[in-house]
Amino acid sequence: MNAVTVRKEETAHGGRYVATVTGKPGEAELTFAVRGAGRISADHTGAPGTLRGTGAALALVEHMVEDARRSGFKIVPVCSYVEAQFDRHPEWHDVRADDA
């Protein structure tokens, strides 16, 4: 299995988590926006066809959850993929924003 690497790129108002997979072209991304008061929204997850089925999209969400725990923010899952992953992983409830 190929290794997935995730990095975070930030701007003043948000940013994205970017995943690459060893030996595969392209990158997957999970974009986010800062919502203030210790909250960010997970707005969109996308992956090119070359990365479908590699676990890159799930790795993005897992990285965001770990980042939220480490940095103390909550996630508003606007993206349907992120929302579905939160539904599948009740152990992530601690970082889901109450209004999500």
C-alpha atoms as a PDB file:
ATOM      1  CA  MET A   1       0.000   0.000   0.000  1.00  0.00           C
ATOM      2  CA  ASN A   2       1.237   3.489  -0.828  1.00  0.00           C
ATOM      3  CA  ALA A   3       1.896   6.019   1.927  1.00  0.00           C
ATOM      4  CA  VAL A   4      -0.364   9.061   2.256  1.00  0.00           C
ATOM      5  CA  THR A   5       1.272  12.329   3.335  1.00  0.00           C
ATOM      6  CA  VAL A   6      -0.827  15.274   4.549  1.00  0.00           C
ATOM      7  CA  ARG A   7       0.223  18.886   4.942  1.00  0.00           C
ATOM      8  CA  LYS A   8      -1.693  21.993   5.999  1.00  0.00           C
ATOM      9  CA  GLU A   9      -1.651  25.271   4.085  1.00  0.00           C
ATOM     10  CA  GLU A  10      -3.128  28.293   5.879  1.00  0.00           C
ATOM     11  CA  THR A  11      -4.289  31.752   4.845  1.00  0.00           C
ATOM     12  CA  ALA A  12      -5.718  34.563   6.958  1.00  0.00           C
ATOM     13  CA  HIS A  13      -9.273  33.273   6.421  1.00  0.00           C
ATOM     14  CA  GLY A  14      -8.838  29.526   6.023  1.00  0.00           C
ATOM     15  CA  GLY A  15      -6.760  27.169   3.973  1.00  0.00           C
ATOM     16  CA  ARG A  16      -6.576  23.545   3.001  1.00  0.00           C
ATOM     17  CA  TYR A  17      -5.207  20.179   3.981  1.00  0.00           C
ATOM     18  CA  VAL A  18      -3.429  18.548   1.035  1.00  0.00           C
ATOM     19  CA  ALA A  19      -2.738  14.827   0.632  1.00  0.00           C
ATOM     20  CA  THR A  20      -0.315  13.164  -1.718  1.00  0.00           C
ATOM     21  CA  VAL A  21       0.169   9.449  -2.211  1.00  0.00           C
ATOM     22  CA  THR A  22       3.563   7.949  -2.901  1.00  0.00           C
ATOM     23  CA  GLY A  23       3.759   6.735  -6.482  1.00  0.00           C
ATOM     24  CA  LYS A  24       0.500   8.389  -7.574  1.00  0.00           C
ATOM     25  CA  PRO A  25       0.099  11.663  -9.487  1.00  0.00           C
ATOM     26  CA  GLY A  26      -2.122  14.460  -8.175  1.00  0.00           C
ATOM     27  CA  GLU A  27      -3.231  15.662  -4.785  1.00  0.00           C
ATOM     28  CA  ALA A  28      -6.426  15.530  -2.764  1.00  0.00           C
ATOM     29  CA  GLU A  29      -7.597  18.511  -0.739  1.00  0.00           C
ATOM     30  CA  LEU A  30      -9.917  19.439   2.078  1.00  0.00           C
ATOM     31  CA  THR A  31     -10.602  23.175   2.101  1.00  0.00           C
ATOM     32  CA  PHE A  32     -11.623  25.021   5.255  1.00  0.00           C
ATOM     33  CA  ALA A  33     -12.632  28.477   6.428  1.00  0.00           C
ATOM     34  CA  VAL A  34     -12.089  30.105   9.803  1.00  0.00           C
ATOM     35  CA  ARG A  35     -15.468  30.734  11.420  1.00  0.00           C
ATOM     36  CA  GLY A  36     -14.159  32.546  14.502  1.00  0.00           C
ATOM     37  CA  ALA A  37     -14.513  31.637  18.178  1.00  0.00           C
ATOM     38  CA  GLY A  38     -12.367  28.515  17.812  1.00  0.00           C
ATOM     39  CA  ARG A  39     -14.306  27.015  14.905  1.00  0.00           C
ATOM     40  CA  ILE A  40     -13.487  26.142  11.328  1.00  0.00           C
ATOM     41  CA  SER A  41     -15.740  24.791   8.610  1.00  0.00           C
ATOM     42  CA  ALA A  42     -14.706  21.816   6.511  1.00  0.00           C
ATOM     43  CA  ASP A  43     -16.049  23.115   3.205  1.00  0.00           C
ATOM     44  CA  HIS A  44     -15.022  20.763   0.406  1.00  0.00           C
ATOM     45  CA  THR A  45     -13.115  17.512  -0.084  1.00  0.00           C
ATOM     46  CA  GLY A  46     -11.885  16.597  -3.527  1.00  0.00           C
ATOM     47  CA  ALA A  47      -9.574  14.017  -5.053  1.00  0.00           C
ATOM     48  CA  PRO A  48      -8.595  13.374  -8.662  1.00  0.00           C
ATOM     49  CA  GLY A  49      -9.376   9.988 -10.163  1.00  0.00           C
ATOM     50  CA  THR A  50      -5.751   8.942  -9.716  1.00  0.00           C
ATOM     51  CA  LEU A  51      -6.179   9.072  -5.929  1.00  0.00           C
ATOM     52  CA  ARG A  52      -9.628   7.534  -5.597  1.00  0.00           C
ATOM     53  CA  GLY A  53      -9.558   4.423  -3.439  1.00  0.00           C
ATOM     54  CA  THR A  54      -6.168   5.233  -1.882  1.00  0.00           C
ATOM     55  CA  GLY A  55      -7.483   6.488   1.467  1.00  0.00           C
ATOM     56  CA  ALA A  56      -6.284  10.033   0.755  1.00  0.00           C
ATOM     57  CA  ALA A  57      -9.658  11.687   1.447  1.00  0.00           C
ATOM     58  CA  LEU A  58     -10.102   9.882   4.771  1.00  0.00           C
ATOM     59  CA  ALA A  59      -6.516  10.770   5.725  1.00  0.00           C
ATOM     60  CA  LEU A  60      -7.396  14.447   5.191  1.00  0.00           C
ATOM     61  CA  VAL A  61     -10.328  14.270   7.604  1.00  0.00           C
ATOM     62  CA  GLU A  62      -8.327  12.277  10.152  1.00  0.00           C
ATOM     63  CA  HIS A  63      -5.561  14.876   9.982  1.00  0.00           C
ATOM     64  CA  MET A  64      -8.072  17.696  10.496  1.00  0.00           C
ATOM     65  CA  VAL A  65      -9.524  15.909  13.533  1.00  0.00           C
ATOM     66  CA  GLU A  66      -6.047  15.400  15.022  1.00  0.00           C
ATOM     67  CA  ASP A  67      -5.230  19.047  14.317  1.00  0.00           C
ATOM     68  CA  ALA A  68      -8.465  20.157  16.022  1.00  0.00           C
ATOM     69  CA  ARG A  69      -7.628  18.144  19.138  1.00  0.00           C
ATOM     70  CA  ARG A  70      -4.068  19.437  19.215  1.00  0.00           C
ATOM     71  CA  SER A  71      -4.989  23.081  18.515  1.00  0.00           C
ATOM     72  CA  GLY A  72      -8.301  23.264  20.385  1.00  0.00           C
ATOM     73  CA  PHE A  73     -10.755  24.178  17.620  1.00  0.00           C
ATOM     74  CA  LYS A  74     -14.108  22.667  16.629  1.00  0.00           C
ATOM     75  CA  ILE A  75     -15.111  21.568  13.136  1.00  0.00           C
ATOM     76  CA  VAL A  76     -18.331  22.502  11.322  1.00  0.00           C
ATOM     77  CA  PRO A  77     -18.725  19.746   8.687  1.00  0.00           C
ATOM     78  CA  VAL A  78     -20.197  21.618   5.705  1.00  0.00           C
ATOM     79  CA  CYS A  79     -18.802  19.110   3.191  1.00  0.00           C
ATOM     80  CA  SER A  80     -21.019  16.036   2.794  1.00  0.00           C
ATOM     81  CA  TYR A  81     -17.998  13.695   2.825  1.00  0.00           C
ATOM     82  CA  VAL A  82     -16.698  15.158   6.096  1.00  0.00           C
ATOM     83  CA  GLU A  83     -20.187  14.991   7.609  1.00  0.00           C
ATOM     84  CA  ALA A  84     -20.488  11.329   6.580  1.00  0.00           C
ATOM     85  CA  GLN A  85     -17.118  10.554   8.180  1.00  0.00           C
ATOM     86  CA  PHE A  86     -18.198  12.241  11.428  1.00  0.00           C
ATOM     87  CA  ASP A  87     -21.330  10.070  11.382  1.00  0.00           C
ATOM     88  CA  ARG A  88     -19.146   6.957  10.915  1.00  0.00           C
ATOM     89  CA  HIS A  89     -16.734   7.982  13.684  1.00  0.00           C
ATOM     90  CA  PRO A  90     -18.629   8.877  16.887  1.00  0.00           C
ATOM     91  CA  GLU A  91     -15.265   9.017  18.694  1.00  0.00           C
ATOM     92  CA  TRP A  92     -14.683  12.340  16.881  1.00  0.00           C
ATOM     93  CA  HIS A  93     -17.677  13.975  18.588  1.00  0.00           C
ATOM     94  CA  ASP A  94     -15.365  15.985  20.843  1.00  0.00           C
ATOM     95  CA  VAL A  95     -14.200  18.145  17.920  1.00  0.00           C
ATOM     96  CA  ARG A  96     -17.517  18.536  16.088  1.00  0.00           C
ATOM     97  CA  ALA A  97     -19.087  21.967  16.552  1.00  0.00           C
ATOM     98  CA  ASP A  98     -22.390  21.844  18.456  1.00  0.00           C
ATOM     99  CA  ASP A  99     -24.232  23.608  15.627  1.00  0.00           C
ATOM    100  CA  ALA A 100     -23.093  21.089  13.032  1.00  0.00           C
END
